[in-house]
Amino acid sequence: MANLVRSIKLSAPAEEVWGRIGPFGALADWHPAIDRCTVEGEGVGAVRTLRIMGGAEVKERLEAQDDGARSATYAGVEIPLPVTDYRGTLTVAPEPDGGCTVTWQATFEPDGVPEEMATQMIAGVFDSGLDGLRSLFGG
C-alpha cells in the first residue's frame, strides 16, 4: 500500500479555509484541474462526480466528515488513474499565528504501474490543488 502526504501553510484562519474546502461538493471551487463537481446524496455515503479539465471523470464517496475537527475522508469509486483501493483525507489545522495548515493524504494500491509512478500521478493532483489554495488564501 502506497502512502502520500502533502501539506501547505496558509495565512487564512482554519475556519475560513474549511468553510471553503470542507463541503464535499466544493472541490471545483478551489482545485484548478476540476471543471465541475456534482454530488448525489448527503452526508456520509454521498458520491461526488468530478469532471476534470479535458473531460475525464472521477467518482468518490464520502466516508467520514468531522466539521469540528475540519477533516473529511473519501474513497475512490471510479478513478482514471492506475490505482485501486484509493482513500484520501483532507484536514485543516489551525496554527498559533492565526493561519492554518492544510494536509492532504492518501493511501492506494498501484495498479499495473510502479508505485513511484502512481505516487507521482497522485502527487500532481494534490500539488495542483494545494497551489490553488495558495492562490485563494495566500501562503
Protein backbone atom coordinates (compact mmCIF):
# COMPACT_ATOMS: atom_id res chain seq x y z
CA MET A 1 0.00 0.00 0.00
CA ALA A 2 1.39 3.37 -1.03
CA ASN A 3 1.02 6.43 1.19
CA LEU A 4 1.28 10.07 0.12
CA VAL A 5 1.09 13.17 2.32
CA ARG A 6 1.23 16.78 1.17
CA SER A 7 0.76 19.91 3.32
CA ILE A 8 0.65 23.65 2.83
CA LYS A 9 0.64 26.51 5.32
CA LEU A 10 -1.86 29.25 4.55
CA SER A 11 -2.23 32.70 6.09
CA ALA A 12 -6.03 32.47 6.42
CA PRO A 13 -7.76 31.14 9.58
CA ALA A 14 -8.63 27.43 9.66
CA GLU A 15 -12.37 28.14 9.94
CA GLU A 16 -12.34 30.28 6.80
CA VAL A 17 -10.37 27.72 4.79
CA TRP A 18 -12.51 24.80 5.99
CA GLY A 19 -15.66 26.76 5.16
CA ARG A 20 -14.45 26.92 1.57
CA ILE A 21 -12.96 23.43 1.13
CA GLY A 22 -14.89 21.33 3.65
CA PRO A 23 -18.14 20.85 1.75
CA PHE A 24 -17.91 17.60 -0.22
CA GLY A 25 -19.02 19.28 -3.44
CA ALA A 26 -16.64 22.25 -3.18
CA LEU A 27 -13.57 20.79 -4.92
CA ALA A 28 -14.31 22.57 -8.21
CA ASP A 29 -14.31 25.88 -6.31
CA TRP A 30 -10.63 25.64 -5.43
CA HIS A 31 -8.89 22.91 -7.45
CA PRO A 32 -7.78 24.35 -10.80
CA ALA A 33 -7.95 20.98 -12.62
CA ILE A 34 -11.61 20.37 -11.74
CA ASP A 35 -14.11 21.81 -14.21
CA ARG A 36 -17.25 20.81 -12.35
CA CYS A 37 -18.46 18.79 -9.37
CA THR A 38 -21.89 17.28 -8.74
CA VAL A 39 -22.94 15.41 -5.60
CA GLU A 40 -25.56 12.68 -5.26
CA GLY A 41 -26.84 12.15 -1.72
CA GLU A 42 -25.99 13.90 1.52
CA GLY A 43 -23.50 13.25 4.30
CA VAL A 44 -21.54 10.03 4.64
CA GLY A 45 -22.22 7.85 1.61
CA ALA A 46 -22.71 10.77 -0.78
CA VAL A 47 -20.95 10.37 -4.13
CA ARG A 48 -19.34 13.25 -5.98
CA THR A 49 -18.58 13.20 -9.68
CA LEU A 50 -15.69 15.40 -10.69
CA ARG A 51 -15.19 16.44 -14.30
CA ILE A 52 -11.51 17.04 -14.91
CA MET A 53 -10.42 19.70 -17.42
CA GLY A 54 -10.21 17.74 -20.65
CA GLY A 55 -13.25 15.58 -19.95
CA ALA A 56 -12.23 12.66 -17.70
CA GLU A 57 -14.49 11.92 -14.73
CA VAL A 58 -13.72 10.80 -11.18
CA LYS A 59 -16.25 9.42 -8.70
CA GLU A 60 -15.57 9.50 -4.96
CA ARG A 61 -17.69 8.53 -1.95
CA LEU A 62 -17.65 10.45 1.34
CA GLU A 63 -16.55 8.04 4.08
CA ALA A 64 -16.33 10.41 7.08
CA GLN A 65 -16.70 14.12 7.79
CA ASP A 66 -15.97 15.94 11.02
CA ASP A 67 -16.54 19.67 10.67
CA GLY A 68 -15.39 20.27 14.26
CA ALA A 69 -12.03 18.65 13.54
CA ARG A 70 -12.08 20.10 10.00
CA SER A 71 -11.45 16.72 8.39
CA ALA A 72 -13.05 14.67 5.60
CA THR A 73 -12.20 11.21 4.29
CA TYR A 74 -13.32 9.88 0.93
CA ALA A 75 -12.81 6.72 -1.14
CA GLY A 76 -12.27 6.39 -4.86
CA VAL A 77 -15.19 4.74 -6.67
CA GLU A 78 -14.01 5.35 -10.25
CA ILE A 79 -10.59 6.93 -10.76
CA PRO A 80 -8.97 7.23 -14.22
CA LEU A 81 -5.51 6.61 -12.76
CA PRO A 82 -3.67 3.29 -12.35
CA VAL A 83 -4.61 2.85 -8.67
CA THR A 84 -7.07 0.80 -6.63
CA ASP A 85 -8.23 0.97 -3.01
CA TYR A 86 -7.79 4.76 -3.02
CA ARG A 87 -8.67 6.52 0.23
CA GLY A 88 -7.96 10.22 0.81
CA THR A 89 -8.25 12.59 3.76
CA LEU A 90 -8.24 16.38 3.73
CA THR A 91 -7.61 18.16 7.05
CA VAL A 92 -7.28 21.82 8.08
CA ALA A 93 -5.44 22.55 11.35
CA PRO A 94 -5.14 25.97 12.99
CA GLU A 95 -1.68 27.46 13.57
CA PRO A 96 -0.68 29.69 16.53
CA ASP A 97 -0.09 32.66 14.21
CA GLY A 98 -3.76 32.65 13.10
CA GLY A 99 -3.12 30.83 9.82
CA CYS A 100 -3.61 27.14 9.17
CA THR A 101 -2.06 24.05 7.65
CA VAL A 102 -3.95 22.02 5.06
CA THR A 103 -2.89 18.38 4.86
CA TRP A 104 -4.00 16.12 2.03
CA GLN A 105 -3.09 12.48 2.32
CA ALA A 106 -3.97 9.26 0.54
CA THR A 107 -3.35 5.55 0.59
CA PHE A 108 -3.74 3.42 -2.53
CA GLU A 109 -2.52 0.36 -4.37
CA PRO A 110 -0.69 0.94 -7.65
CA ASP A 111 -2.41 -0.97 -10.47
CA GLY A 112 -0.17 -2.04 -13.35
CA VAL A 113 2.48 0.64 -12.82
CA PRO A 114 5.38 1.01 -10.40
CA GLU A 115 4.49 2.57 -7.03
CA GLU A 116 6.70 5.58 -7.75
CA MET A 117 4.79 6.35 -10.95
CA ALA A 118 1.36 6.04 -9.29
CA THR A 119 2.55 8.20 -6.39
CA GLN A 120 3.81 10.89 -8.78
CA MET A 121 0.42 10.97 -10.51
CA ILE A 122 -1.48 11.43 -7.24
CA ALA A 123 1.12 13.97 -6.05
CA GLY A 124 0.47 16.02 -9.19
CA VAL A 125 -3.24 16.17 -8.35
CA PHE A 126 -2.52 17.13 -4.73
CA ASP A 127 0.13 19.73 -5.58
CA SER A 128 -2.12 21.39 -8.15
CA GLY A 129 -4.96 21.60 -5.61
CA LEU A 130 -2.74 22.96 -2.85
CA ASP A 131 -1.36 25.57 -5.26
CA GLY A 132 -4.97 26.56 -5.94
CA LEU A 133 -5.47 27.06 -2.20
CA ARG A 134 -2.32 29.18 -2.00
CA SER A 135 -3.73 31.38 -4.77
CA LEU A 136 -7.01 31.79 -2.88
CA PHE A 137 -5.74 32.23 0.68
CA GLY A 138 -2.07 33.22 0.49
CA GLY A 139 0.76 31.10 1.80
